[in-house]
Protein backbone atom coordinates (compact mmCIF):
# COMPACT_ATOMS: atom_id res chain seq x y z
CA UNK A 1 84.21 114.98 106.20
CA UNK A 2 86.16 118.01 104.99
CA UNK A 3 87.19 116.61 101.61
CA UNK A 4 85.61 118.46 98.66
CA UNK A 5 83.22 115.86 97.25
CA UNK A 6 82.84 117.51 93.83
CA UNK A 7 86.49 116.72 93.08
CA UNK A 8 85.97 113.02 93.77
CA UNK A 9 84.78 110.24 91.46
CA UNK A 10 82.04 107.77 92.41
CA UNK A 11 84.51 105.22 93.75
CA UNK A 12 86.06 107.73 96.16
CA UNK A 13 82.63 108.95 97.27
CA UNK A 14 81.63 105.37 98.02
CA UNK A 15 84.74 104.87 100.12
CA UNK A 16 83.97 108.01 102.09
CA UNK A 17 80.39 106.99 102.83
CA UNK A 18 81.44 103.52 104.00
CA UNK A 19 84.18 104.93 106.23
CA UNK A 20 81.79 107.52 107.62
CA UNK A 21 79.15 104.97 108.61
CA UNK A 22 81.66 102.85 110.53
CA UNK A 23 83.38 105.77 112.27
CA UNK A 24 80.08 107.21 113.46
CA UNK A 25 78.35 103.99 114.49
CA UNK A 26 80.94 101.45 115.63
CA UNK A 27 83.70 103.38 117.42
CA UNK A 28 83.19 104.10 121.10
CA UNK A 29 85.10 105.67 123.97
CA UNK A 30 87.95 103.57 125.44
CA UNK A 31 88.05 101.35 122.33
CA UNK A 32 91.21 99.80 120.97
CA UNK A 33 90.79 100.09 117.21
CA UNK A 34 92.88 98.14 114.73
CA UNK A 35 93.35 100.02 111.48
CA UNK A 36 94.13 98.39 108.14
CA UNK A 37 95.95 99.70 105.10
CA UNK A 38 94.79 101.32 101.88
CA UNK A 39 92.94 104.22 100.28
CA UNK A 40 89.56 103.45 101.85
CA UNK A 41 91.12 103.15 105.29
CA UNK A 42 92.78 106.55 104.85
CA UNK A 43 89.30 108.11 104.77
CA UNK A 44 88.41 106.19 107.91
CA UNK A 45 91.54 107.55 109.65
CA UNK A 46 90.58 111.12 108.78
CA UNK A 47 87.04 110.64 110.07
CA UNK A 48 88.29 108.87 113.18
CA UNK A 49 90.55 111.82 113.93
CA UNK A 50 87.66 114.26 113.55
CA UNK A 51 85.41 112.08 115.72
CA UNK A 52 87.98 111.84 118.52
CA UNK A 53 88.42 115.61 118.52
CA UNK A 54 84.71 116.48 118.35
CA UNK A 55 83.51 113.96 120.96
CA UNK A 56 86.68 113.92 123.09
CA UNK A 57 87.03 110.16 122.84
CA UNK A 58 89.95 108.31 124.34
CA UNK A 59 90.90 105.49 122.01
CA UNK A 60 94.04 103.63 121.03
CA UNK A 61 94.67 102.76 117.39
CA UNK A 62 96.80 99.80 116.32
CA UNK A 63 98.20 100.06 112.76
CA UNK A 64 98.59 97.12 110.41
CA UNK A 65 101.54 98.67 108.56
CA UNK A 66 104.19 101.36 108.74
CA UNK A 67 102.21 103.34 106.16
CA UNK A 68 99.12 103.29 108.38
CA UNK A 69 101.15 104.17 111.47
CA UNK A 70 102.43 107.29 109.70
CA UNK A 71 98.89 108.27 108.70
CA UNK A 72 97.56 107.75 112.23
CA UNK A 73 100.38 109.77 113.79
CA UNK A 74 99.91 112.62 111.32
CA UNK A 75 96.21 112.64 112.19
CA UNK A 76 96.99 113.08 115.89
CA UNK A 77 95.66 109.68 116.96
CA UNK A 78 97.25 107.67 119.77
CA UNK A 79 98.88 104.47 118.54
CA UNK A 80 99.92 101.19 120.12
CA UNK A 81 101.13 97.77 119.00
CA UNK A 82 99.73 94.26 118.95
CA UNK A 83 102.24 93.38 121.64
CA UNK A 84 100.66 95.99 123.92
CA UNK A 85 97.08 95.38 122.77
CA UNK A 86 96.71 91.77 121.54
CA UNK A 87 92.90 91.91 121.79
CA UNK A 88 91.19 94.56 119.69
CA UNK A 89 87.67 95.85 120.23
CA UNK A 90 87.36 96.64 116.54
CA UNK A 91 89.38 96.13 113.37
CA UNK A 92 88.53 98.17 110.26
CA UNK A 93 90.09 97.47 106.87
CA UNK A 94 89.37 97.48 103.16
CA UNK A 95 89.51 94.66 100.62
CA UNK A 96 90.75 94.15 97.08
CA UNK A 97 87.61 92.18 96.21
CA UNK A 98 84.61 90.71 98.04
CA UNK A 99 82.72 87.78 96.52
CA UNK A 100 78.98 87.17 96.80
CA UNK A 101 79.82 84.51 99.40
CA UNK A 102 81.73 87.10 101.52
CA UNK A 103 85.17 85.71 100.73
CA UNK A 104 87.77 88.49 100.77
CA UNK A 105 90.96 88.85 98.80
CA UNK A 106 93.32 91.21 100.60
CA UNK A 107 96.98 92.09 100.45
CA UNK A 108 97.21 94.56 97.60
CA UNK A 109 99.17 96.79 99.95
CA UNK A 110 101.46 93.96 101.06
CA UNK A 111 100.31 93.91 104.71
CA UNK A 112 98.25 90.71 104.49
CA UNK A 113 99.95 88.78 107.32
CA UNK A 114 99.45 91.43 110.00
CA UNK A 115 95.99 92.19 108.62
CA UNK A 116 94.91 88.57 109.06
CA UNK A 117 96.37 88.46 112.56
CA UNK A 118 94.52 91.62 113.53
CA UNK A 119 91.27 90.44 111.97
CA UNK A 120 91.50 87.19 113.94
CA UNK A 121 92.29 88.93 117.23
CA UNK A 122 89.45 91.49 117.10
CA UNK A 123 86.03 91.34 118.70
CA UNK A 124 84.58 92.71 115.48
CA UNK A 125 86.13 92.88 112.01
CA UNK A 126 84.45 95.35 109.65
CA UNK A 127 85.37 95.73 106.00
CA UNK A 128 84.68 99.03 104.25
CA UNK A 129 84.56 99.33 100.46
CA UNK A 130 82.91 101.07 97.51
CA UNK A 131 80.47 99.34 95.16
CA UNK A 132 83.17 98.32 92.69
CA UNK A 133 84.54 95.82 95.23
CA UNK A 134 81.34 93.83 95.86
CA UNK A 135 80.28 91.41 94.53
CA UNK A 136 83.27 90.40 92.41
CA UNK A 137 84.23 87.03 90.94
CA UNK A 138 87.03 85.24 92.78
CA UNK A 139 89.12 84.61 89.66
CA UNK A 140 89.21 88.31 88.79
CA UNK A 141 92.02 88.96 91.26
CA UNK A 142 95.24 87.09 92.14
CA UNK A 143 95.89 85.85 95.66
CA UNK A 144 98.62 87.89 97.37
CA UNK A 145 101.16 85.79 99.23
CA UNK A 146 104.00 86.48 101.65
CA UNK A 147 106.99 84.13 101.59
CA UNK A 148 110.41 83.84 103.18
CA UNK A 149 113.11 85.21 100.84
CA UNK A 150 115.02 81.90 100.82
CA UNK A 151 111.87 80.09 99.66
CA UNK A 152 111.44 82.26 96.58
CA UNK A 153 112.07 79.31 94.24
CA UNK A 154 110.95 76.37 96.38
CA UNK A 155 107.32 77.52 96.54
CA UNK A 156 106.81 77.64 92.77
CA UNK A 157 106.22 73.93 92.15
CA UNK A 158 103.85 73.33 95.12
CA UNK A 159 101.80 76.36 94.10
CA UNK A 160 101.64 75.03 90.52
CA UNK A 161 100.42 71.70 91.87
CA UNK A 162 97.52 73.55 93.48
CA UNK A 163 96.61 75.04 90.11
CA UNK A 164 98.23 78.43 90.59
CA UNK A 165 101.02 80.41 88.97
CA UNK A 166 103.34 82.32 91.29
CA UNK A 167 104.62 85.72 90.22
CA UNK A 168 106.83 88.11 92.15
CA UNK A 169 105.38 91.56 92.70
CA UNK A 170 107.49 94.53 91.66
CA UNK A 171 106.96 98.15 92.63
CA UNK A 172 107.43 101.20 90.43
CA UNK A 173 110.87 102.77 90.69
CA UNK A 174 112.22 99.92 92.85
CA UNK A 175 114.85 97.37 91.97
CA UNK A 176 113.78 93.87 92.96
CA UNK A 177 110.53 92.49 94.41
CA UNK A 178 108.27 94.16 96.97
CA UNK A 179 109.35 93.48 100.56
CA UNK A 180 106.80 93.46 103.39
CA UNK A 181 107.16 95.29 106.71
CA UNK A 182 108.14 91.87 108.09
CA UNK A 183 111.12 91.62 105.73
CA UNK A 184 109.56 88.95 103.53
CA UNK A 185 108.81 88.83 99.81
CA UNK A 186 105.37 89.67 98.45
CA UNK A 187 104.10 87.86 95.37
CA UNK A 188 100.79 86.95 93.74
CA UNK A 189 99.23 83.62 92.80
CA UNK A 190 97.09 83.55 89.65
CA UNK A 191 94.41 80.88 89.19
CA UNK A 192 92.88 80.28 85.78
CA UNK A 193 90.24 77.80 86.90
CA UNK A 194 87.61 77.96 89.69
CA UNK A 195 88.88 76.88 93.09
CA UNK A 196 87.60 76.35 96.62
CA UNK A 197 88.91 79.40 98.53
CA UNK A 198 88.75 77.70 101.93
CA UNK A 199 90.79 74.74 100.74
CA UNK A 200 93.30 76.89 98.86
CA UNK A 201 93.72 79.25 101.82
CA UNK A 202 94.75 76.29 104.00
CA UNK A 203 96.78 74.54 101.31
CA UNK A 204 98.88 77.60 100.46
CA UNK A 205 99.76 78.08 104.12
CA UNK A 206 100.90 74.45 104.35
CA UNK A 207 103.66 75.05 101.78
CA UNK A 208 107.01 75.39 103.61
CA UNK A 209 108.24 78.96 103.24
CA UNK A 210 104.79 80.51 102.84
CA UNK A 211 104.04 82.89 105.71
CA UNK A 212 100.46 83.83 104.82
CA UNK A 213 98.11 84.39 101.90
CA UNK A 214 95.44 86.97 101.14
CA UNK A 215 92.33 84.76 101.15
CA UNK A 216 90.10 85.68 104.10
CA UNK A 217 87.30 83.13 104.62
CA UNK A 218 84.63 83.22 107.34
CA UNK A 219 86.45 85.88 109.31
CA UNK A 220 84.63 89.16 108.60
CA UNK A 221 81.71 90.21 110.80
CA UNK A 222 80.29 93.10 108.77
CA UNK A 223 80.84 94.42 105.26
CA UNK A 224 79.94 98.06 104.67
CA UNK A 225 79.49 99.14 101.05
CA UNK A 226 79.44 102.85 100.26
CA UNK A 227 77.02 104.17 97.67
CA UNK A 228 78.09 107.22 95.67
CA UNK A 229 74.69 108.14 94.22
CA UNK A 230 72.59 108.14 97.41
CA UNK A 231 75.33 109.52 99.67
CA UNK A 232 75.05 106.66 102.14
CA UNK A 233 76.32 103.15 102.86
CA UNK A 234 74.71 99.79 103.50
CA UNK A 235 75.75 96.97 105.78
CA UNK A 236 75.81 93.70 103.89
CA UNK A 237 74.19 90.85 105.84
CA UNK A 238 76.35 89.22 108.49
CA UNK A 239 78.29 86.41 106.75
CA UNK A 240 78.05 84.20 109.82
CA UNK A 241 74.28 84.50 109.86
CA UNK A 242 74.16 83.59 106.17
CA UNK A 243 75.98 80.34 106.89
CA UNK A 244 73.69 79.15 109.68
């Protein structure tokens, strides 16, 4: 990794170490690699580019967002789409938070729908994060949600019935709410009281007008947490094994 580590804080160092472990140990020649969105993933993209050049690997990357596609192209990596490559060998992404029970909250970057599709269509889904993301209490972060623009007001009451408060998400320097790459509105659902993430994940998606939400339950295969102090990363136990 060519980034000057002394200019980075512990969080950034942790992200680098997690991304490095995955790039070096889980990417192989001829792989189709799905790539998520976010700051941790940007380190993975840089390392993936270096790995492909050094070891002369032939891989295809599939981006989860326009932002990621730009980063992959700038890094010289070959890109494809889910239409061309509906089955991924590997999908690597970050997370907003990870609970002790391996429930993820994702969607801070607004790409939650495609991210969940890619996670579900991959042979292996690996999450990379620094130590600040795991373990974190579920209520500490809102649930991102993608909805059809015409349903902006009709989803409020059903969400309230589930115990949540819906708020539109606004970006800096932009008039109006955040719009996803799919042309839909991104908002956040805040819960004040403990909830069952598996039930809420399903219930939110049953509300007419809701496209997808950012709760990811029982879908990740490995969670890699980067450690800033020891300059390494650890693989958290396989969630599926924990549930057996």
